[in-house]
Amino acid sequence: MVDKNYPPRIVVLDTETTGMPVTDGHRVIEIGCVELMGRRLTGRHFHVYLQPDRESDEGAIGVHGITNEFLVGKPRFAEVADEFFEFIKGAQLIIHNAAFDVGFLNNEFALIGQTDRADLTQHCTILDTLAMARARHPGQRNSLDALCKRYGVDNSGRELHGALLDSEILADVYLTMTGGQTSLSLAGNASDGNGSGEGSGNQASEIRRLSADRQPGRIIRASESDLAEHAARLEAIAKSAGGPSLWAQLLDAKGQTLQ
């Protein structure tokens, strides 16, 4: 079952295959995943090359550069299935063109007889950044490279497709597409997630502690019109992001409403 806990654990995922479609017997040859928590990369990742027991199409090799010879001696999916499943179980999967990757991964689980895992939607929630990009930019190119250019994400190291590199790049694209602050800092005027922005400095500013006997501040409560505007804003965010905002998810988990 999908874990409903908040905040969600996010895994950005990509695969490479021997070709397409999966119905022609093509197999997964590389899986790359990176983990996000609180809109930050945690440093945890899953990456493996796989022996597919068949040759890759020349066209596929031209895309990812993974040769048949390179895959000799690599583990088969059955050998890594448990570790991979434990890494993604209960997470929100962020995938570009999710139907492709999910279809191949479901097939891999089915081929080794793990039918209970052969529908990832029963174990993870899935957000397709391609569908999100098409909704935001109809009629435009929405490949990963095109999105990198549109959102100013550096993909200069991407001469060929690679599952781990592509998942790292997609993580940056996803964070940029969904906007919002990616980190909080107590270091004075820090302006970016790693404290390297102009004016951030190298020393944290002193934390000022308020007196316990200070005069309590006046509480200004939101009016009905304020709440209505807030709800409308959250709906707009959900439509733009392709899913409910984190605030809406938190209220839903607590059984509360927006108003």
Protein backbone atom coordinates (compact mmCIF):
# COMPACT_ATOMS: atom_id res chain seq x y z
CA MET A 1 0.00 0.00 0.00
CA VAL A 2 1.06 3.59 -0.61
CA ASP A 3 2.36 5.33 2.52
CA LYS A 4 0.10 8.31 3.30
CA ASN A 5 2.52 9.83 5.81
CA TYR A 6 3.47 13.49 5.50
CA PRO A 7 5.79 14.87 4.26
CA PRO A 8 6.08 12.50 1.32
CA ARG A 9 9.34 10.81 0.51
CA ILE A 10 10.17 11.48 -3.13
CA VAL A 11 12.22 9.27 -5.43
CA VAL A 12 13.17 10.61 -8.85
CA LEU A 13 13.54 7.64 -11.20
CA ASP A 14 14.78 6.86 -14.69
CA THR A 15 15.52 3.70 -16.67
CA GLU A 16 17.34 2.71 -19.83
CA THR A 17 16.21 -0.28 -21.91
CA THR A 18 17.26 -2.56 -24.74
CA GLY A 19 14.71 -0.81 -26.96
CA MET A 20 10.97 -0.42 -27.20
CA PRO A 21 8.17 -1.34 -26.83
CA VAL A 22 8.09 -3.64 -23.82
CA THR A 23 5.59 -5.86 -25.64
CA ASP A 24 8.36 -6.82 -28.10
CA GLY A 25 10.33 -8.41 -25.27
CA HIS A 26 12.59 -5.49 -24.52
CA ARG A 27 14.12 -5.30 -21.04
CA VAL A 28 15.46 -2.80 -18.51
CA ILE A 29 19.27 -2.51 -18.52
CA GLU A 30 19.79 0.42 -16.12
CA ILE A 31 17.86 1.89 -13.19
CA GLY A 32 18.81 5.18 -11.54
CA CYS A 33 17.03 6.79 -8.58
CA VAL A 34 17.76 9.72 -6.28
CA GLU A 35 15.91 10.55 -3.07
CA LEU A 36 14.40 13.90 -2.10
CA MET A 37 13.12 14.87 1.34
CA GLY A 38 11.85 18.34 2.12
CA ARG A 39 12.80 19.47 -1.41
CA ARG A 40 16.42 18.54 -0.80
CA LEU A 41 18.56 15.75 -2.27
CA THR A 42 19.40 13.46 0.64
CA GLY A 43 22.44 11.85 -0.98
CA ARG A 44 20.75 8.43 -1.00
CA HIS A 45 20.44 6.82 -4.40
CA PHE A 46 19.90 3.48 -6.11
CA HIS A 47 21.80 2.68 -9.29
CA VAL A 48 22.35 -0.59 -11.13
CA TYR A 49 23.16 -1.94 -14.59
CA LEU A 50 21.33 -5.15 -15.53
CA GLN A 51 22.02 -8.17 -17.72
CA PRO A 52 18.89 -8.40 -19.92
CA ASP A 53 19.59 -11.81 -21.51
CA ARG A 54 19.06 -10.29 -24.95
CA GLU A 55 20.81 -7.80 -27.19
CA SER A 56 19.94 -4.12 -27.33
CA ASP A 57 18.72 -2.50 -30.53
CA GLU A 58 21.32 -0.42 -32.32
CA GLY A 59 19.05 2.61 -32.06
CA ALA A 60 18.82 2.21 -28.27
CA ILE A 61 22.60 1.89 -27.94
CA GLY A 62 22.91 5.09 -29.92
CA VAL A 63 20.76 6.84 -27.30
CA HIS A 64 22.28 5.56 -24.06
CA GLY A 65 25.66 4.19 -25.18
CA ILE A 66 25.33 1.00 -23.11
CA THR A 67 26.76 -1.82 -25.20
CA ASN A 68 25.88 -5.51 -25.04
CA GLU A 69 29.48 -6.28 -24.08
CA PHE A 70 29.35 -3.87 -21.13
CA LEU A 71 26.34 -5.69 -19.65
CA VAL A 72 27.99 -9.12 -19.63
CA GLY A 73 28.35 -10.24 -16.02
CA LYS A 74 26.01 -7.59 -14.63
CA PRO A 75 23.28 -8.78 -12.21
CA ARG A 76 19.87 -9.82 -13.46
CA PHE A 77 16.79 -7.99 -12.24
CA ALA A 78 15.82 -10.88 -9.95
CA GLU A 79 19.05 -10.34 -8.01
CA VAL A 80 18.31 -6.68 -7.22
CA ALA A 81 14.50 -6.67 -7.19
CA ASP A 82 14.12 -6.71 -3.40
CA GLU A 83 16.65 -3.93 -2.82
CA PHE A 84 15.09 -1.81 -5.56
CA PHE A 85 11.56 -2.33 -4.27
CA GLU A 86 12.55 -1.40 -0.72
CA PHE A 87 14.11 1.82 -2.03
CA ILE A 88 10.97 2.98 -3.85
CA LYS A 89 8.22 1.46 -1.67
CA GLY A 90 5.80 4.07 -0.31
CA ALA A 91 7.50 6.96 -2.11
CA GLN A 92 6.16 9.44 -4.61
CA LEU A 93 7.93 8.59 -7.86
CA ILE A 94 8.86 11.52 -10.11
CA ILE A 95 9.35 10.20 -13.66
CA HIS A 96 9.57 11.86 -17.08
CA ASN A 97 7.20 9.93 -19.36
CA ALA A 98 6.15 7.69 -16.49
CA ALA A 99 4.12 5.22 -18.57
CA PHE A 100 7.32 4.06 -20.31
CA ASP A 101 9.41 3.43 -17.18
CA VAL A 102 6.56 2.08 -15.05
CA GLY A 103 5.47 -0.29 -17.83
CA PHE A 104 8.98 -1.71 -18.12
CA LEU A 105 9.46 -2.05 -14.36
CA ASN A 106 6.07 -3.71 -13.91
CA ASN A 107 7.09 -6.17 -16.61
CA GLU A 108 10.39 -6.94 -14.88
CA PHE A 109 8.60 -7.83 -11.65
CA ALA A 110 6.07 -9.93 -13.55
CA LEU A 111 8.81 -11.86 -15.37
CA ILE A 112 10.33 -13.03 -12.07
CA GLY A 113 6.94 -14.03 -10.67
CA GLN A 114 6.55 -11.12 -8.22
CA THR A 115 3.02 -10.34 -9.36
CA ASP A 116 2.24 -8.50 -6.12
CA ARG A 117 4.83 -5.90 -7.15
CA ALA A 118 3.95 -5.84 -10.85
CA ASP A 119 1.76 -2.74 -10.48
CA LEU A 120 3.86 0.01 -8.95
CA THR A 121 0.82 2.28 -8.55
CA GLN A 122 -0.27 -0.02 -5.71
CA HIS A 123 2.93 0.74 -3.80
CA CYS A 124 3.88 4.28 -4.88
CA THR A 125 2.25 7.45 -6.07
CA ILE A 126 3.51 8.60 -9.45
CA LEU A 127 3.94 12.09 -10.87
CA ASP A 128 4.73 12.37 -14.58
CA THR A 129 6.78 15.48 -15.30
CA LEU A 130 6.14 15.08 -19.03
CA ALA A 131 2.39 15.36 -18.48
CA MET A 132 3.01 18.32 -16.16
CA ALA A 133 5.20 20.03 -18.76
CA ARG A 134 2.69 19.44 -21.56
CA ALA A 135 -0.05 21.03 -19.45
CA ARG A 136 2.15 24.05 -18.75
CA HIS A 137 3.69 24.39 -22.20
CA PRO A 138 1.22 23.00 -24.77
CA GLY A 139 2.54 22.72 -28.29
CA GLN A 140 6.18 23.07 -27.21
CA ARG A 141 9.00 20.56 -26.94
CA ASN A 142 8.96 19.04 -23.48
CA SER A 143 11.85 16.58 -23.57
CA LEU A 144 14.18 16.61 -20.58
CA ASP A 145 16.77 18.54 -22.59
CA ALA A 146 14.14 21.09 -23.66
CA LEU A 147 13.02 21.57 -20.06
CA CYS A 148 16.62 22.04 -18.91
CA LYS A 149 17.00 24.83 -21.45
CA ARG A 150 13.63 26.39 -20.57
CA TYR A 151 14.26 26.37 -16.81
CA GLY A 152 17.99 27.06 -16.86
CA VAL A 153 19.06 23.67 -15.47
CA ASP A 154 22.65 22.70 -16.28
CA ASN A 155 22.78 19.48 -18.31
CA SER A 156 26.19 20.08 -19.86
CA GLY A 157 27.39 16.64 -18.74
CA ARG A 158 24.62 14.85 -20.63
CA GLU A 159 26.09 13.76 -23.95
CA LEU A 160 24.25 10.42 -23.76
CA HIS A 161 21.26 9.29 -21.75
CA GLY A 162 22.11 7.65 -18.44
CA ALA A 163 19.56 6.65 -15.79
CA LEU A 164 21.35 8.03 -12.73
CA LEU A 165 22.47 11.27 -14.39
CA ASP A 166 19.02 11.79 -15.91
CA SER A 167 17.33 11.24 -12.54
CA GLU A 168 19.62 13.85 -10.95
CA ILE A 169 18.88 16.31 -13.75
CA LEU A 170 15.14 15.57 -13.54
CA ALA A 171 15.25 16.27 -9.80
CA ASP A 172 16.61 19.75 -10.54
CA VAL A 173 14.00 20.29 -13.26
CA TYR A 174 11.18 19.14 -10.96
CA LEU A 175 12.26 21.44 -8.13
CA THR A 176 12.49 24.36 -10.54
CA MET A 177 9.14 23.59 -12.19
CA THR A 178 7.32 23.36 -8.89
CA GLY A 179 9.00 26.50 -7.56
CA GLY A 180 9.18 27.52 -3.95
CA GLN A 181 12.08 27.79 -1.56
CA THR A 182 14.28 24.72 -1.53
CA SER A 183 15.90 25.34 1.85
CA LEU A 184 15.75 27.41 5.01
CA SER A 185 18.78 29.14 6.46
CA LEU A 186 19.57 30.85 9.77
CA ALA A 187 22.67 32.37 8.21
CA GLY A 188 21.77 36.02 7.94
CA ASN A 189 20.95 36.96 4.35
CA ALA A 190 21.49 33.57 2.71
CA SER A 191 19.84 33.65 -0.68
CA ASP A 192 20.08 30.09 -1.94
CA GLY A 193 19.95 26.51 -0.82
CA ASN A 194 23.67 26.08 -0.17
CA GLY A 195 24.39 29.46 1.37
CA SER A 196 26.56 30.49 -1.54
CA GLY A 197 24.36 33.32 -2.75
CA GLU A 198 25.48 36.91 -2.68
CA GLY A 199 25.32 38.35 0.82
CA SER A 200 25.13 34.97 2.52
CA GLY A 201 28.49 35.34 4.23
CA ASN A 202 30.21 32.57 6.12
CA GLN A 203 28.86 33.27 9.60
CA ALA A 204 25.38 32.76 10.95
CA SER A 205 23.70 35.81 12.39
CA GLU A 206 23.06 35.85 16.12
CA ILE A 207 19.68 34.48 17.20
CA ARG A 208 17.79 37.12 19.18
CA ARG A 209 15.73 35.62 22.01
CA LEU A 210 12.60 37.44 23.16
CA SER A 211 11.83 38.14 26.79
CA ALA A 212 9.41 35.71 28.39
CA ASP A 213 7.43 38.59 30.00
CA ARG A 214 7.03 40.57 26.78
CA GLN A 215 3.63 41.97 25.80
CA PRO A 216 1.84 39.33 23.70
CA GLY A 217 1.39 40.23 20.06
CA ARG A 218 -2.01 40.88 18.52
CA ILE A 219 -3.40 37.92 16.56
CA ILE A 220 -5.00 38.90 13.27
CA ARG A 221 -7.23 36.09 12.10
CA ALA A 222 -8.05 35.50 8.44
CA SER A 223 -11.44 36.70 7.27
CA GLU A 224 -13.80 34.54 5.20
CA SER A 225 -12.69 36.37 2.05
CA ASP A 226 -9.03 35.75 2.98
CA LEU A 227 -9.74 32.03 3.41
CA ALA A 228 -11.59 31.91 0.09
CA GLU A 229 -8.66 33.56 -1.71
CA HIS A 230 -6.28 31.15 0.03
CA ALA A 231 -8.33 28.14 -1.12
CA ALA A 232 -8.43 29.48 -4.69
CA ARG A 233 -4.66 29.95 -4.64
CA LEU A 234 -4.10 26.38 -3.47
CA GLU A 235 -6.36 25.10 -6.25
CA ALA A 236 -4.31 27.05 -8.80
CA ILE A 237 -1.09 25.60 -7.38
CA ALA A 238 -2.52 22.07 -7.55
CA LYS A 239 -3.57 22.55 -11.17
CA SER A 240 -0.16 23.94 -12.12
CA ALA A 241 1.85 21.28 -10.26
CA GLY A 242 -0.30 18.35 -11.33
CA GLY A 243 -1.16 17.43 -7.74
CA PRO A 244 -2.28 18.89 -4.42
CA SER A 245 -0.02 21.34 -2.61
CA LEU A 246 1.85 20.19 0.50
CA TRP A 247 -0.43 22.40 2.62
CA ALA A 248 -3.54 20.69 1.18
CA GLN A 249 -1.97 17.26 1.77
CA LEU A 250 -1.26 18.16 5.40
CA LEU A 251 -4.82 19.35 6.00
CA ASP A 252 -6.18 16.23 4.31
CA ALA A 253 -4.02 14.02 6.53
CA LYS A 254 -5.43 15.82 9.58
CA GLY A 255 -9.00 15.57 8.31
CA GLN A 256 -9.38 19.35 8.06
CA THR A 257 -10.71 21.58 5.30
CA LEU A 258 -9.18 24.66 3.70
CA GLN A 259 -11.84 26.93 5.20
